[in-house]
Amino acid sequence: MNLTIAFLLFTGGAPRSSNDPWFGRDKVLHFVGSAVVQGAAYSLFRQDARYTVAAQRASLVTVAVGVGKELYDLRHPARHRASWRDLAWDGVGGTAATVVAKQADR
């Protein structure tokens, strides 16, 4: 919640989502990219921390990368369009990687 408020204050408003479908190649890239970031960060943090701590830290990294990408998109509107739906797919990808990590950790 605090991250959303900070995003809105920093950017001056919500990214536009008109002509932004929920499904498509871009959304798959967001899902996979976030899953990869989450998995890699989790693997690094898991070397020195238990599952819960490693997963939380990896989630922070994944959120930072996803929000950073959307902030970049806001600053370059001619080439990219910022999207709440992209952030949603980032969250789904990161969550999927966390579930896989939990299952592998058993």
N, C-alpha and C. Protein backbone atom coordinates (compact mmCIF):
# COMPACT_ATOMS: atom_id res chain seq x y z
N MET A 1 0.82 -1.19 0.00
CA MET A 1 0.00 0.00 0.00
C MET A 1 0.87 1.25 0.00
N ASN A 2 1.88 1.31 0.87
CA ASN A 2 2.75 2.48 0.92
C ASN A 2 3.48 2.66 -0.40
N LEU A 3 3.85 1.55 -1.04
CA LEU A 3 4.53 1.62 -2.32
C LEU A 3 3.62 2.23 -3.39
N THR A 4 2.36 1.88 -3.36
CA THR A 4 1.40 2.44 -4.31
C THR A 4 1.25 3.93 -4.11
N ILE A 5 1.14 4.36 -2.88
CA ILE A 5 1.01 5.78 -2.57
C ILE A 5 2.26 6.53 -3.02
N ALA A 6 3.43 5.98 -2.74
CA ALA A 6 4.67 6.62 -3.16
C ALA A 6 4.74 6.70 -4.67
N PHE A 7 4.33 5.65 -5.36
CA PHE A 7 4.33 5.64 -6.83
C PHE A 7 3.43 6.75 -7.36
N LEU A 8 2.23 6.88 -6.81
CA LEU A 8 1.29 7.90 -7.27
C LEU A 8 1.81 9.31 -6.99
N LEU A 9 2.39 9.51 -5.83
CA LEU A 9 2.93 10.83 -5.49
C LEU A 9 4.13 11.17 -6.37
N PHE A 10 5.00 10.20 -6.61
CA PHE A 10 6.20 10.44 -7.40
C PHE A 10 5.88 10.70 -8.87
N THR A 11 4.90 9.97 -9.39
CA THR A 11 4.62 10.05 -10.83
C THR A 11 3.53 11.05 -11.18
N GLY A 12 2.77 11.47 -10.18
CA GLY A 12 1.72 12.43 -10.47
C GLY A 12 0.41 11.79 -10.88
N GLY A 13 0.27 10.52 -10.75
CA GLY A 13 -0.98 9.87 -11.09
C GLY A 13 -0.79 8.44 -11.56
N ALA A 14 -1.88 7.80 -11.79
CA ALA A 14 -1.85 6.40 -12.21
C ALA A 14 -1.49 6.30 -13.69
N PRO A 15 -0.73 5.27 -14.04
CA PRO A 15 -0.44 5.04 -15.44
C PRO A 15 -1.73 4.75 -16.20
N ARG A 16 -1.78 5.16 -17.45
CA ARG A 16 -2.95 4.89 -18.28
C ARG A 16 -3.01 3.42 -18.65
N SER A 17 -4.22 2.88 -18.70
CA SER A 17 -4.36 1.49 -19.08
C SER A 17 -5.27 1.32 -20.29
N SER A 18 -5.62 2.42 -20.97
CA SER A 18 -6.43 2.29 -22.17
C SER A 18 -5.61 1.60 -23.25
N ASN A 19 -6.28 0.76 -24.01
CA ASN A 19 -5.60 -0.03 -25.04
C ASN A 19 -4.47 -0.88 -24.46
N ASP A 20 -4.67 -1.32 -23.26
CA ASP A 20 -3.67 -2.14 -22.57
C ASP A 20 -4.34 -3.45 -22.17
N PRO A 21 -4.25 -4.48 -23.01
CA PRO A 21 -4.95 -5.73 -22.71
C PRO A 21 -4.34 -6.45 -21.51
N TRP A 22 -5.15 -7.27 -20.87
CA TRP A 22 -4.68 -8.06 -19.75
C TRP A 22 -3.78 -9.21 -20.19
N PHE A 23 -3.96 -9.67 -21.43
CA PHE A 23 -3.19 -10.80 -21.93
C PHE A 23 -2.47 -10.39 -23.21
N GLY A 24 -1.28 -10.91 -23.38
CA GLY A 24 -0.49 -10.63 -24.57
C GLY A 24 0.98 -10.88 -24.30
N ARG A 25 1.77 -10.70 -25.34
CA ARG A 25 3.20 -10.97 -25.24
C ARG A 25 3.87 -10.15 -24.14
N ASP A 26 3.51 -8.88 -24.04
CA ASP A 26 4.09 -8.00 -23.03
C ASP A 26 3.82 -8.52 -21.61
N LYS A 27 2.61 -9.01 -21.39
CA LYS A 27 2.26 -9.50 -20.06
C LYS A 27 3.03 -10.78 -19.73
N VAL A 28 3.23 -11.63 -20.73
CA VAL A 28 4.03 -12.84 -20.53
C VAL A 28 5.46 -12.46 -20.16
N LEU A 29 6.00 -11.45 -20.82
CA LEU A 29 7.36 -11.00 -20.51
C LEU A 29 7.45 -10.45 -19.08
N HIS A 30 6.43 -9.74 -18.65
CA HIS A 30 6.41 -9.23 -17.27
C HIS A 30 6.35 -10.39 -16.28
N PHE A 31 5.48 -11.37 -16.56
CA PHE A 31 5.36 -12.54 -15.68
C PHE A 31 6.69 -13.28 -15.58
N VAL A 32 7.26 -13.62 -16.72
CA VAL A 32 8.49 -14.40 -16.74
C VAL A 32 9.65 -13.59 -16.15
N GLY A 33 9.75 -12.33 -16.53
CA GLY A 33 10.84 -11.50 -16.00
C GLY A 33 10.80 -11.39 -14.49
N SER A 34 9.63 -11.19 -13.94
CA SER A 34 9.51 -11.08 -12.48
C SER A 34 9.76 -12.42 -11.80
N ALA A 35 9.34 -13.50 -12.43
CA ALA A 35 9.61 -14.82 -11.87
C ALA A 35 11.11 -15.09 -11.83
N VAL A 36 11.81 -14.70 -12.88
CA VAL A 36 13.26 -14.89 -12.93
C VAL A 36 13.95 -14.03 -11.87
N VAL A 37 13.56 -12.77 -11.77
CA VAL A 37 14.15 -11.88 -10.76
C VAL A 37 13.89 -12.43 -9.36
N GLN A 38 12.65 -12.84 -9.10
CA GLN A 38 12.30 -13.38 -7.78
C GLN A 38 13.11 -14.63 -7.48
N GLY A 39 13.20 -15.52 -8.44
CA GLY A 39 13.95 -16.76 -8.23
C GLY A 39 15.43 -16.53 -8.00
N ALA A 40 16.01 -15.65 -8.80
CA ALA A 40 17.44 -15.37 -8.64
C ALA A 40 17.73 -14.68 -7.31
N ALA A 41 16.91 -13.69 -6.96
CA ALA A 41 17.11 -12.99 -5.69
C ALA A 41 16.89 -13.94 -4.51
N TYR A 42 15.86 -14.79 -4.61
CA TYR A 42 15.62 -15.76 -3.54
C TYR A 42 16.82 -16.68 -3.38
N SER A 43 17.36 -17.16 -4.48
CA SER A 43 18.52 -18.06 -4.41
C SER A 43 19.71 -17.40 -3.72
N LEU A 44 19.93 -16.13 -4.03
CA LEU A 44 21.03 -15.41 -3.39
C LEU A 44 20.79 -15.22 -1.90
N PHE A 45 19.58 -14.80 -1.54
CA PHE A 45 19.27 -14.54 -0.13
C PHE A 45 19.15 -15.83 0.67
N ARG A 46 18.76 -16.90 0.04
CA ARG A 46 18.55 -18.17 0.75
C ARG A 46 19.86 -18.77 1.25
N GLN A 47 20.97 -18.37 0.68
CA GLN A 47 22.26 -18.88 1.12
C GLN A 47 22.54 -18.53 2.58
N ASP A 48 22.03 -17.38 3.03
CA ASP A 48 22.33 -16.91 4.39
C ASP A 48 21.10 -16.73 5.27
N ALA A 49 19.91 -17.02 4.76
CA ALA A 49 18.70 -16.76 5.53
C ALA A 49 17.70 -17.90 5.36
N ARG A 50 16.78 -17.99 6.31
CA ARG A 50 15.74 -19.01 6.20
C ARG A 50 14.74 -18.59 5.11
N TYR A 51 13.84 -19.51 4.78
CA TYR A 51 12.92 -19.30 3.66
C TYR A 51 12.16 -17.98 3.76
N THR A 52 11.53 -17.72 4.89
CA THR A 52 10.67 -16.54 5.02
C THR A 52 11.45 -15.25 4.77
N VAL A 53 12.59 -15.12 5.37
CA VAL A 53 13.40 -13.91 5.22
C VAL A 53 13.89 -13.79 3.77
N ALA A 54 14.35 -14.88 3.20
CA ALA A 54 14.83 -14.85 1.82
C ALA A 54 13.70 -14.48 0.86
N ALA A 55 12.52 -15.03 1.07
CA ALA A 55 11.37 -14.74 0.20
C ALA A 55 10.95 -13.27 0.32
N GLN A 56 10.96 -12.74 1.53
CA GLN A 56 10.60 -11.33 1.72
C GLN A 56 11.60 -10.41 1.04
N ARG A 57 12.86 -10.68 1.23
CA ARG A 57 13.89 -9.85 0.61
C ARG A 57 13.82 -9.94 -0.92
N ALA A 58 13.61 -11.14 -1.43
CA ALA A 58 13.50 -11.32 -2.87
C ALA A 58 12.28 -10.58 -3.42
N SER A 59 11.20 -10.58 -2.66
CA SER A 59 9.99 -9.86 -3.08
C SER A 59 10.25 -8.36 -3.16
N LEU A 60 11.00 -7.83 -2.22
CA LEU A 60 11.35 -6.40 -2.27
C LEU A 60 12.16 -6.07 -3.53
N VAL A 61 13.09 -6.95 -3.86
CA VAL A 61 13.89 -6.75 -5.07
C VAL A 61 12.99 -6.80 -6.30
N THR A 62 12.10 -7.78 -6.35
CA THR A 62 11.20 -7.93 -7.50
C THR A 62 10.28 -6.73 -7.66
N VAL A 63 9.73 -6.26 -6.55
CA VAL A 63 8.86 -5.08 -6.60
C VAL A 63 9.65 -3.86 -7.06
N ALA A 64 10.86 -3.70 -6.56
CA ALA A 64 11.69 -2.55 -6.96
C ALA A 64 11.98 -2.58 -8.45
N VAL A 65 12.28 -3.75 -8.98
CA VAL A 65 12.56 -3.86 -10.42
C VAL A 65 11.29 -3.56 -11.23
N GLY A 66 10.16 -4.11 -10.81
CA GLY A 66 8.90 -3.87 -11.53
C GLY A 66 8.47 -2.42 -11.52
N VAL A 67 8.52 -1.80 -10.35
CA VAL A 67 8.15 -0.39 -10.24
C VAL A 67 9.16 0.47 -10.99
N GLY A 68 10.43 0.11 -10.89
CA GLY A 68 11.46 0.85 -11.63
C GLY A 68 11.21 0.82 -13.13
N LYS A 69 10.81 -0.33 -13.64
CA LYS A 69 10.50 -0.45 -15.08
C LYS A 69 9.33 0.44 -15.45
N GLU A 70 8.29 0.46 -14.62
CA GLU A 70 7.13 1.30 -14.92
C GLU A 70 7.46 2.79 -14.80
N LEU A 71 8.31 3.15 -13.86
CA LEU A 71 8.76 4.55 -13.77
C LEU A 71 9.54 4.93 -15.02
N TYR A 72 10.37 4.02 -15.49
CA TYR A 72 11.10 4.26 -16.74
C TYR A 72 10.11 4.46 -17.89
N ASP A 73 9.10 3.62 -17.94
CA ASP A 73 8.09 3.74 -19.00
C ASP A 73 7.36 5.09 -18.93
N LEU A 74 7.12 5.58 -17.72
CA LEU A 74 6.46 6.90 -17.58
C LEU A 74 7.34 8.02 -18.13
N ARG A 75 8.63 7.87 -17.98
CA ARG A 75 9.55 8.92 -18.42
C ARG A 75 9.85 8.85 -19.92
N HIS A 76 9.49 7.76 -20.55
CA HIS A 76 9.73 7.57 -21.99
C HIS A 76 8.45 7.17 -22.69
N PRO A 77 7.42 8.03 -22.66
CA PRO A 77 6.11 7.65 -23.20
C PRO A 77 6.08 7.43 -24.71
N ALA A 78 7.04 7.96 -25.43
CA ALA A 78 7.04 7.77 -26.88
C ALA A 78 7.35 6.32 -27.24
N ARG A 79 8.14 5.67 -26.40
CA ARG A 79 8.54 4.28 -26.69
C ARG A 79 7.83 3.26 -25.81
N HIS A 80 7.40 3.67 -24.64
CA HIS A 80 6.82 2.74 -23.68
C HIS A 80 5.61 3.36 -23.01
N ARG A 81 4.71 2.53 -22.54
CA ARG A 81 3.56 3.02 -21.81
C ARG A 81 3.50 2.33 -20.45
N ALA A 82 3.49 3.11 -19.39
CA ALA A 82 3.39 2.56 -18.04
C ALA A 82 2.01 1.95 -17.86
N SER A 83 1.94 0.90 -17.05
CA SER A 83 0.68 0.18 -16.93
C SER A 83 0.54 -0.49 -15.57
N TRP A 84 -0.64 -0.31 -14.96
CA TRP A 84 -0.95 -1.03 -13.74
C TRP A 84 -1.04 -2.52 -14.03
N ARG A 85 -1.49 -2.86 -15.22
CA ARG A 85 -1.62 -4.27 -15.58
C ARG A 85 -0.25 -4.94 -15.68
N ASP A 86 0.74 -4.21 -16.14
CA ASP A 86 2.11 -4.74 -16.14
C ASP A 86 2.55 -5.05 -14.71
N LEU A 87 2.27 -4.12 -13.79
CA LEU A 87 2.62 -4.34 -12.39
C LEU A 87 1.88 -5.53 -11.80
N ALA A 88 0.63 -5.70 -12.21
CA ALA A 88 -0.13 -6.86 -11.73
C ALA A 88 0.53 -8.15 -12.19
N TRP A 89 0.95 -8.21 -13.46
CA TRP A 89 1.62 -9.41 -13.97
C TRP A 89 2.98 -9.59 -13.33
N ASP A 90 3.65 -8.50 -12.99
CA ASP A 90 4.90 -8.61 -12.23
C ASP A 90 4.64 -9.31 -10.90
N GLY A 91 3.56 -8.91 -10.24
CA GLY A 91 3.21 -9.52 -8.97
C GLY A 91 2.86 -11.00 -9.09
N VAL A 92 2.14 -11.34 -10.15
CA VAL A 92 1.78 -12.74 -10.36
C VAL A 92 3.02 -13.58 -10.63
N GLY A 93 3.93 -13.06 -11.43
CA GLY A 93 5.17 -13.78 -11.72
C GLY A 93 6.04 -13.98 -10.49
N GLY A 94 6.17 -12.92 -9.69
CA GLY A 94 6.95 -13.02 -8.46
C GLY A 94 6.32 -13.99 -7.47
N THR A 95 5.00 -13.96 -7.38
CA THR A 95 4.30 -14.88 -6.49
C THR A 95 4.46 -16.32 -6.94
N ALA A 96 4.35 -16.56 -8.24
CA ALA A 96 4.52 -17.91 -8.77
C ALA A 96 5.91 -18.45 -8.43
N ALA A 97 6.93 -17.62 -8.58
CA ALA A 97 8.29 -18.05 -8.26
C ALA A 97 8.43 -18.34 -6.77
N THR A 98 7.77 -17.57 -5.93
CA THR A 98 7.83 -17.81 -4.49
C THR A 98 7.16 -19.14 -4.13
N VAL A 99 6.06 -19.44 -4.77
CA VAL A 99 5.38 -20.73 -4.53
C VAL A 99 6.28 -21.89 -4.95
N VAL A 100 6.91 -21.75 -6.11
CA VAL A 100 7.83 -22.81 -6.57
C VAL A 100 8.99 -22.96 -5.59
N ALA A 101 9.53 -21.85 -5.13
CA ALA A 101 10.64 -21.91 -4.18
C ALA A 101 10.22 -22.59 -2.88
N LYS A 102 9.03 -22.30 -2.43
CA LYS A 102 8.52 -22.92 -1.19
C LYS A 102 8.39 -24.43 -1.37
N GLN A 103 7.86 -24.85 -2.51
CA GLN A 103 7.71 -26.28 -2.77
C GLN A 103 9.08 -26.96 -2.88
N ALA A 104 10.04 -26.30 -3.48
CA ALA A 104 11.38 -26.87 -3.63
C ALA A 104 12.13 -26.90 -2.31
N ASP A 105 11.73 -26.05 -1.37
CA ASP A 105 12.41 -25.93 -0.09
C ASP A 105 12.04 -27.03 0.90
N ARG A 106 11.04 -27.80 0.57
CA ARG A 106 10.57 -28.85 1.50
C ARG A 106 11.53 -30.00 1.57
